[in-house]
C-alpha atoms as a PDB file:
ATOM      1  CA  MET A   1    -173.151 100.739 -13.477  1.00  0.00           C
ATOM      2  CA  CYS A   2    -175.991 102.900 -12.114  1.00  0.00           C
ATOM      3  CA  GLY A   3    -177.616  99.883 -10.518  1.00  0.00           C
ATOM      4  CA  ARG A   4    -174.347  98.876  -8.904  1.00  0.00           C
ATOM      5  CA  LYS A   5    -173.787 102.370  -7.560  1.00  0.00           C
ATOM      6  CA  GLY A   6    -177.235 102.384  -5.967  1.00  0.00           C
ATOM      7  CA  SER A   7    -176.588  99.009  -4.378  1.00  0.00           C
ATOM      8  CA  LEU A   8    -173.327 100.241  -2.913  1.00  0.00           C
ATOM      9  CA  LYS A   9    -175.056 103.234  -1.361  1.00  0.00           C
ATOM     10  CA  ARG A  10    -177.825 101.106   0.121  1.00  0.00           C
ATOM     11  CA  PHE A  11    -175.330  98.632   1.555  1.00  0.00           C
ATOM     12  CA  SER A  12    -173.152 101.417   2.969  1.00  0.00           C
ATOM     13  CA  GLY A  13    -176.149 103.105   4.594  1.00  0.00           C
ATOM     14  CA  CYS A  14    -177.252  99.888   6.295  1.00  0.00           C
ATOM     15  CA  PHE A  15    -173.723  99.247   7.517  1.00  0.00           C
ATOM     16  CA  PHE A  16    -173.388 102.745   9.016  1.00  0.00           C
ATOM     17  CA  GLU A  17    -176.723 102.429  10.841  1.00  0.00           C
ATOM     18  CA  PHE A  18    -175.891  98.988  12.226  1.00  0.00           C
ATOM     19  CA  PHE A  19    -172.426 100.120  13.361  1.00  0.00           C
ATOM     20  CA  CYS A  20    -173.811 103.172  15.189  1.00  0.00           C
ATOM     21  CA  VAL A  21    -176.471 101.144  17.011  1.00  0.00           C
ATOM     22  CA  GLU A  22    -173.823  98.678  18.223  1.00  0.00           C
ATOM     23  CA  ILE A  23    -171.541 101.459  19.445  1.00  0.00           C
ATOM     24  CA  SER A  24    -174.432 103.184  21.241  1.00  0.00           C
ATOM     25  CA  SER A  25    -175.463 100.020  23.056  1.00  0.00           C
ATOM     26  CA  PHE A  26    -171.995  99.534  24.530  1.00  0.00           C
ATOM     27  CA  ALA A  27    -171.141 103.148  25.253  1.00  0.00           C
ATOM     28  CA  GLY A  28    -173.572 103.629  28.150  1.00  0.00           C
ATOM     29  CA  LEU A  29    -174.369 107.221  29.027  1.00  0.00           C
ATOM     30  CA  GLY A  30    -171.828 108.524  26.543  1.00  0.00           C
ATOM     31  CA  GLY A  31    -173.278 106.450  23.762  1.00  0.00           C
ATOM     32  CA  PHE A  32    -174.699 109.310  21.744  1.00  0.00           C
ATOM     33  CA  ALA A  33    -171.413 111.202  21.637  1.00  0.00           C
ATOM     34  CA  VAL A  34    -169.342 108.118  20.846  1.00  0.00           C
ATOM     35  CA  SER A  35    -171.749 106.875  18.214  1.00  0.00           C
ATOM     36  CA  GLY A  36    -171.673 110.282  16.553  1.00  0.00           C
ATOM     37  CA  ILE A  37    -167.885 110.170  16.295  1.00  0.00           C
ATOM     38  CA  PHE A  38    -167.862 106.646  14.915  1.00  0.00           C
ATOM     39  CA  TYR A  39    -170.726 107.387  12.550  1.00  0.00           C
ATOM     40  CA  TYR A  40    -168.689 110.198  11.042  1.00  0.00           C
ATOM     41  CA  SER A  41    -165.523 108.095  10.869  1.00  0.00           C
ATOM     42  CA  VAL A  42    -167.185 105.059   9.351  1.00  0.00           C
ATOM     43  CA  GLY A  43    -169.226 107.259   7.052  1.00  0.00           C
ATOM     44  CA  LEU A  44    -166.090 108.936   5.752  1.00  0.00           C
ATOM     45  CA  TRP A  45    -164.390 105.570   5.259  1.00  0.00           C
ATOM     46  CA  GLY A  46    -167.511 104.289   3.524  1.00  0.00           C
ATOM     47  CA  LYS A  47    -167.263 107.110   1.011  1.00  0.00           C
ATOM     48  CA  VAL A  48    -163.678 106.130   0.274  1.00  0.00           C
ATOM     49  CA  VAL A  49    -164.642 102.469  -0.127  1.00  0.00           C
ATOM     50  CA  GLU A  50    -167.553 103.421  -2.356  1.00  0.00           C
ATOM     51  CA  SER A  51    -165.336 105.609  -4.536  1.00  0.00           C
ATOM     52  CA  VAL A  52    -162.714 102.876  -4.892  1.00  0.00           C
ATOM     53  CA  ALA A  53    -165.361 100.285  -5.717  1.00  0.00           C
ATOM     54  CA  LEU A  54    -166.908 102.524  -8.345  1.00  0.00           C
ATOM     55  CA  LEU A  55    -163.472 103.140  -9.843  1.00  0.00           C
ATOM     56  CA  ILE A  56    -162.855  99.384 -10.073  1.00  0.00           C
ATOM     57  CA  PHE A  57    -166.268  98.836 -11.656  1.00  0.00           C
ATOM     58  CA  SER A  58    -165.579 101.652 -14.139  1.00  0.00           C
ATOM     59  CA  LEU A  59    -162.211 100.190 -15.128  1.00  0.00           C
ATOM     60  CA  LEU A  60    -163.724  96.744 -15.615  1.00  0.00           C
ATOM     61  CA  PHE A  61    -166.588  98.246 -17.622  1.00  0.00           C
ATOM     62  CA  TRP A  62    -164.137 100.236 -19.788  1.00  0.00           C
ATOM     63  CA  ALA A  63    -162.028  97.143 -20.410  1.00  0.00           C
ATOM     64  CA  ALA A  64    -165.082  95.178 -21.501  1.00  0.00           C
ATOM     65  CA  CYS A  65    -165.896  97.893 -24.057  1.00  0.00           C
ATOM     66  CA  MET A  66    -162.598  97.590 -25.903  1.00  0.00           C
ATOM     67  CA  PHE A  67    -161.386  95.323 -28.696  1.00  0.00           C
ATOM     68  CA  ARG A  68    -158.485  93.167 -27.531  1.00  0.00           C
ATOM     69  CA  GLY A  69    -156.853  89.954 -28.671  1.00  0.00           C
ATOM     70  CA  THR A  70    -155.342  88.394 -31.786  1.00  0.00           C
ATOM     71  CA  HIS A  71    -156.915  85.818 -34.067  1.00  0.00           C
ATOM     72  CA  GLU A  72    -155.415  83.900 -36.983  1.00  0.00           C
ATOM     73  CA  LEU A  73    -158.085  83.669 -39.680  1.00  0.00           C
ATOM     74  CA  THR A  74    -158.575  82.823 -43.339  1.00  0.00           C
ATOM     75  CA  ILE A  75    -160.341  84.894 -45.991  1.00  0.00           C
ATOM     76  CA  ASP A  76    -162.417  82.529 -48.126  1.00  0.00           C
ATOM     77  CA  THR A  77    -162.477  82.444 -51.916  1.00  0.00           C
ATOM     78  CA  LYS A  78    -165.386  84.908 -52.019  1.00  0.00           C
ATOM     79  CA  GLY A  79    -163.545  87.456 -49.886  1.00  0.00           C
ATOM     80  CA  ARG A  80    -165.497  86.750 -46.700  1.00  0.00           C
ATOM     81  CA  LEU A  81    -163.939  87.019 -43.258  1.00  0.00           C
ATOM     82  CA  ALA A  82    -165.461  85.484 -40.129  1.00  0.00           C
ATOM     83  CA  ILE A  83    -165.408  87.981 -37.267  1.00  0.00           C
ATOM     84  CA  PRO A  84    -164.673  86.185 -33.956  1.00  0.00           C
ATOM     85  CA  ALA A  85    -167.607  86.042 -31.547  1.00  0.00           C
ATOM     86  CA  LYS A  86    -165.717  88.060 -28.909  1.00  0.00           C
ATOM     87  CA  PHE A  87    -165.353  91.001 -31.291  1.00  0.00           C
ATOM     88  CA  ARG A  88    -168.970  90.762 -32.460  1.00  0.00           C
ATOM     89  CA  GLU A  89    -170.169  90.845 -28.861  1.00  0.00           C
ATOM     90  CA  VAL A  90    -168.194  94.017 -28.109  1.00  0.00           C
ATOM     91  CA  LEU A  91    -169.488  95.632 -31.309  1.00  0.00           C
ATOM     92  CA  SER A  92    -173.136  94.789 -30.567  1.00  0.00           C
ATOM     93  CA  ARG A  93    -172.994  95.636 -26.871  1.00  0.00           C
ATOM     94  CA  GLU A  94    -170.985  98.853 -26.900  1.00  0.00           C
ATOM     95  CA  PHE A  95    -171.100 100.451 -30.338  1.00  0.00           C
ATOM     96  CA  VAL A  96    -174.602  99.800 -31.662  1.00  0.00           C
ATOM     97  CA  GLY A  97    -177.946 101.372 -30.768  1.00  0.00           C
ATOM     98  CA  GLU A  98    -180.992  99.267 -29.963  1.00  0.00           C
ATOM     99  CA  ASP A  99    -182.513  99.755 -33.408  1.00  0.00           C
ATOM    100  CA  ASP A 100    -179.273  99.646 -35.409  1.00  0.00           C
ATOM    101  CA  ALA A 101    -177.576  96.714 -37.097  1.00  0.00           C
ATOM    102  CA  PRO A 102    -173.954  96.017 -36.094  1.00  0.00           C
ATOM    103  CA  ARG A 103    -171.627  97.278 -38.825  1.00  0.00           C
ATOM    104  CA  PHE A 104    -167.966  97.964 -39.376  1.00  0.00           C
ATOM    105  CA  VAL A 105    -166.378 100.489 -41.699  1.00  0.00           C
ATOM    106  CA  VAL A 106    -163.233  99.197 -43.384  1.00  0.00           C
ATOM    107  CA  THR A 107    -160.576 101.349 -44.984  1.00  0.00           C
ATOM    108  CA  LEU A 108    -157.074 101.080 -46.401  1.00  0.00           C
ATOM    109  CA  ASP A 109    -154.264 102.263 -44.149  1.00  0.00           C
ATOM    110  CA  SER A 110    -151.301 100.762 -46.008  1.00  0.00           C
ATOM    111  CA  ARG A 111    -150.455  97.771 -48.176  1.00  0.00           C
ATOM    112  CA  ASP A 112    -149.879  95.803 -44.983  1.00  0.00           C
ATOM    113  CA  ARG A 113    -153.183  96.303 -43.192  1.00  0.00           C
ATOM    114  CA  LEU A 114    -156.836  97.273 -43.325  1.00  0.00           C
ATOM    115  CA  LEU A 115    -158.573  99.107 -40.482  1.00  0.00           C
ATOM    116  CA  LEU A 116    -162.055  98.143 -39.301  1.00  0.00           C
ATOM    117  CA  TYR A 117    -163.938 100.621 -37.109  1.00  0.00           C
ATOM    118  CA  PRO A 118    -167.391 100.314 -35.569  1.00  0.00           C
ATOM    119  CA  GLU A 119    -169.542 102.611 -37.673  1.00  0.00           C
ATOM    120  CA  VAL A 120    -170.032 105.138 -34.870  1.00  0.00           C
ATOM    121  CA  GLU A 121    -166.292 105.266 -34.189  1.00  0.00           C
ATOM    122  CA  TRP A 122    -165.490 105.750 -37.867  1.00  0.00           C
ATOM    123  CA  GLU A 123    -167.804 108.765 -37.987  1.00  0.00           C
ATOM    124  CA  LYS A 124    -165.613 110.423 -35.343  1.00  0.00           C
ATOM    125  CA  VAL A 125    -162.422 109.583 -37.255  1.00  0.00           C
ATOM    126  CA  GLU A 126    -164.027 110.803 -40.462  1.00  0.00           C
ATOM    127  CA  GLN A 127    -164.725 114.211 -38.961  1.00  0.00           C
ATOM    128  CA  GLN A 128    -161.159 114.473 -37.707  1.00  0.00           C
ATOM    129  CA  LEU A 129    -159.832 113.600 -41.156  1.00  0.00           C
ATOM    130  CA  LEU A 130    -162.047 116.188 -42.821  1.00  0.00           C
ATOM    131  CA  ALA A 131    -160.849 118.815 -40.343  1.00  0.00           C
ATOM    132  CA  LEU A 132    -157.169 118.221 -41.130  1.00  0.00           C
ATOM    133  CA  ASN A 133    -155.298 121.186 -42.547  1.00  0.00           C
ATOM    134  CA  VAL A 134    -153.567 119.580 -45.533  1.00  0.00           C
ATOM    135  CA  LYS A 135    -152.720 122.761 -47.410  1.00  0.00           C
ATOM    136  CA  GLY A 136    -149.074 122.629 -48.444  1.00  0.00           C
ATOM    137  CA  LYS A 137    -148.750 119.112 -47.000  1.00  0.00           C
ATOM    138  CA  PRO A 138    -149.010 116.761 -49.988  1.00  0.00           C
ATOM    139  CA  ASN A 139    -148.223 113.573 -48.052  1.00  0.00           C
ATOM    140  CA  LEU A 140    -150.869 114.324 -45.452  1.00  0.00           C
ATOM    141  CA  ALA A 141    -153.391 115.111 -48.202  1.00  0.00           C
ATOM    142  CA  LEU A 142    -152.640 111.807 -49.920  1.00  0.00           C
ATOM    143  CA  TYR A 143    -153.067 109.899 -46.665  1.00  0.00           C
ATOM    144  CA  GLN A 144    -156.335 111.714 -45.945  1.00  0.00           C
ATOM    145  CA  ASN A 145    -157.652 110.702 -49.361  1.00  0.00           C
ATOM    146  CA  LEU A 146    -156.391 107.149 -48.930  1.00  0.00           C
ATOM    147  CA  LEU A 147    -158.481 106.672 -45.802  1.00  0.00           C
ATOM    148  CA  LEU A 148    -161.571 108.557 -46.923  1.00  0.00           C
ATOM    149  CA  HIS A 149    -161.760 107.352 -50.524  1.00  0.00           C
ATOM    150  CA  ASN A 150    -161.374 103.700 -49.623  1.00  0.00           C
ATOM    151  CA  ALA A 151    -163.814 103.579 -46.698  1.00  0.00           C
ATOM    152  CA  ASP A 152    -166.664 101.121 -47.128  1.00  0.00           C
ATOM    153  CA  THR A 153    -169.418  99.836 -44.847  1.00  0.00           C
ATOM    154  CA  LEU A 154    -169.428  96.153 -43.915  1.00  0.00           C
ATOM    155  CA  ASP A 155    -172.588  94.344 -42.853  1.00  0.00           C
ATOM    156  CA  ILE A 156    -172.273  91.189 -40.767  1.00  0.00           C
ATOM    157  CA  ASP A 157    -174.201  88.220 -42.168  1.00  0.00           C
ATOM    158  CA  GLY A 158    -175.991  85.533 -40.193  1.00  0.00           C
ATOM    159  CA  ALA A 159    -172.804  83.476 -39.975  1.00  0.00           C
ATOM    160  CA  GLY A 160    -170.836  86.374 -38.434  1.00  0.00           C
ATOM    161  CA  ARG A 161    -168.920  87.146 -41.643  1.00  0.00           C
ATOM    162  CA  VAL A 162    -168.143  90.352 -43.515  1.00  0.00           C
ATOM    163  CA  LEU A 163    -167.429  90.633 -47.233  1.00  0.00           C
ATOM    164  CA  LEU A 164    -164.202  92.541 -47.829  1.00  0.00           C
ATOM    165  CA  PRO A 165    -164.389  94.819 -50.902  1.00  0.00           C
ATOM    166  CA  ALA A 166    -162.550  93.396 -53.914  1.00  0.00           C
ATOM    167  CA  ASN A 167    -160.762  96.690 -54.612  1.00  0.00           C
ATOM    168  CA  LEU A 168    -159.211  96.690 -51.135  1.00  0.00           C
ATOM    169  CA  ARG A 169    -158.169  93.052 -51.407  1.00  0.00           C
ATOM    170  CA  ARG A 170    -156.324  93.902 -54.623  1.00  0.00           C
ATOM    171  CA  LEU A 171    -154.413  96.765 -52.970  1.00  0.00           C
ATOM    172  CA  VAL A 172    -152.987  94.910 -49.972  1.00  0.00           C
ATOM    173  CA  ASN A 173    -150.003  92.574 -49.892  1.00  0.00           C
ATOM    174  CA  PHE A 174    -151.864  89.599 -48.482  1.00  0.00           C
ATOM    175  CA  ASP A 175    -154.327  87.084 -49.795  1.00  0.00           C
ATOM    176  CA  LYS A 176    -156.106  84.634 -47.501  1.00  0.00           C
ATOM    177  CA  ASP A 177    -153.941  83.988 -44.426  1.00  0.00           C
ATOM    178  CA  VAL A 178    -154.536  86.914 -42.080  1.00  0.00           C
ATOM    179  CA  MET A 179    -154.460  88.055 -38.477  1.00  0.00           C
ATOM    180  CA  LEU A 180    -157.273  90.121 -36.991  1.00  0.00           C
ATOM    181  CA  LEU A 181    -156.172  92.181 -33.987  1.00  0.00           C
ATOM    182  CA  GLY A 182    -158.098  94.258 -31.500  1.00  0.00           C
ATOM    183  CA  ARG A 183    -156.685  97.711 -30.829  1.00  0.00           C
ATOM    184  CA  VAL A 184    -158.947  99.427 -28.303  1.00  0.00           C
ATOM    185  CA  ASN A 185    -161.580 101.107 -30.501  1.00  0.00           C
ATOM    186  CA  ARG A 186    -160.869  99.349 -33.801  1.00  0.00           C
ATOM    187  CA  LEU A 187    -159.736  96.127 -35.436  1.00  0.00           C
ATOM    188  CA  GLU A 188    -156.711  95.743 -37.694  1.00  0.00           C
ATOM    189  CA  LEU A 189    -156.478  93.151 -40.449  1.00  0.00           C
ATOM    190  CA  TRP A 190    -152.917  92.162 -41.315  1.00  0.00           C
ATOM    191  CA  GLY A 191    -151.419  89.583 -43.599  1.00  0.00           C
ATOM    192  CA  ARG A 192    -150.122  86.839 -41.337  1.00  0.00           C
ATOM    193  CA  GLU A 193    -146.576  87.025 -42.700  1.00  0.00           C
ATOM    194  CA  GLN A 194    -146.495  90.826 -42.476  1.00  0.00           C
ATOM    195  CA  LYS A 195    -147.697  90.852 -38.877  1.00  0.00           C
ATOM    196  CA  LEU A 196    -145.244  88.176 -37.776  1.00  0.00           C
ATOM    197  CA  ALA A 197    -142.423  90.119 -39.451  1.00  0.00           C
ATOM    198  CA  GLU A 198    -143.485  93.291 -37.636  1.00  0.00           C
ATOM    199  CA  THR A 199    -143.560  91.416 -34.331  1.00  0.00           C
ATOM    200  CA  GLU A 200    -140.064  90.055 -34.953  1.00  0.00           C
ATOM    201  CA  ALA A 201    -138.856  93.574 -35.748  1.00  0.00           C
ATOM    202  CA  ALA A 202    -140.325  94.843 -32.472  1.00  0.00           C
ATOM    203  CA  LEU A 203    -138.660  92.041 -30.529  1.00  0.00           C
ATOM    204  CA  SER A 204    -135.336  92.889 -32.176  1.00  0.00           C
ATOM    205  CA  ILE A 205    -135.256  96.516 -31.034  1.00  0.00           C
ATOM    206  CA  SER A 206    -132.182  97.357 -28.978  1.00  0.00           C
ATOM    207  CA  PRO A 207    -133.245  97.443 -25.297  1.00  0.00           C
ATOM    208  CA  ASP A 208    -131.059 100.495 -24.694  1.00  0.00           C
ATOM    209  CA  GLU A 209    -132.575 102.397 -27.614  1.00  0.00           C
ATOM    210  CA  LEU A 210    -136.078 101.442 -26.515  1.00  0.00           C
ATOM    211  CA  ASP A 211    -135.392 102.490 -22.925  1.00  0.00           C
ATOM    212  CA  PHE A 212    -134.175 105.867 -24.168  1.00  0.00           C
ATOM    213  CA  ASP A 213    -137.220 106.390 -26.387  1.00  0.00           C
ATOM    214  CA  LEU A 214    -139.582 105.397 -23.570  1.00  0.00           C
ATOM    215  CA  SER A 215    -137.814 107.762 -21.186  1.00  0.00           C
ATOM    216  CA  GLN A 216    -138.882 110.645 -23.427  1.00  0.00           C
ATOM    217  CA  THR A 217    -142.562 109.805 -22.843  1.00  0.00           C
ATOM    218  CA  ASP A 218    -144.960 109.710 -19.875  1.00  0.00           C
ATOM    219  CA  LEU A 219    -145.664 106.004 -20.408  1.00  0.00           C
ATOM    220  CA  GLN A 220    -145.410 103.856 -17.281  1.00  0.00           C
ATOM    221  CA  LEU A 221    -145.447 100.094 -17.701  1.00  0.00           C
END
């Protein structure tokens, strides 16, 4: 991004200089005054163009940093799951330091899914969980413990696989047929049947009820 920004500035500067020279050559005796006006105008427009271009680059860069997509996978008999190359690339490029190995942290969210966070992202979630005020809120305390007590680090082997902990595999309602989904800063591992059922439920929502619920938010689609 920094390199691109510098290139934009260099290009814009050359363009302004060239434009002013051309205006001066055609303006005759009033060339200096006219070129000054156009230099200012084009310079101002150049700033707008540069800002828009940087915004576009930033949005594209942000999008490339996120986990997106759905993959139907199979957990093998040893409990290993192959992480798709697209997800491994995002993990290695955006969430891992130069001297660190790419790792996920997996935890139990419900009987229907496991959550997989890049290690650095999980550390942020972990701190938020520890900061929760659970006094007098037994359900929240149980959920806090569920996430924290079942968190485990996953190393990626040479074949791009992770070994899912046996205790977590015993607690979820799925066996080998799964769906791995990207959700911005994390991955979600669902049983295939459970995820398809959830999708069907979402597609069956009353349009009127959904429109009302959406109208109560700031979401714009």
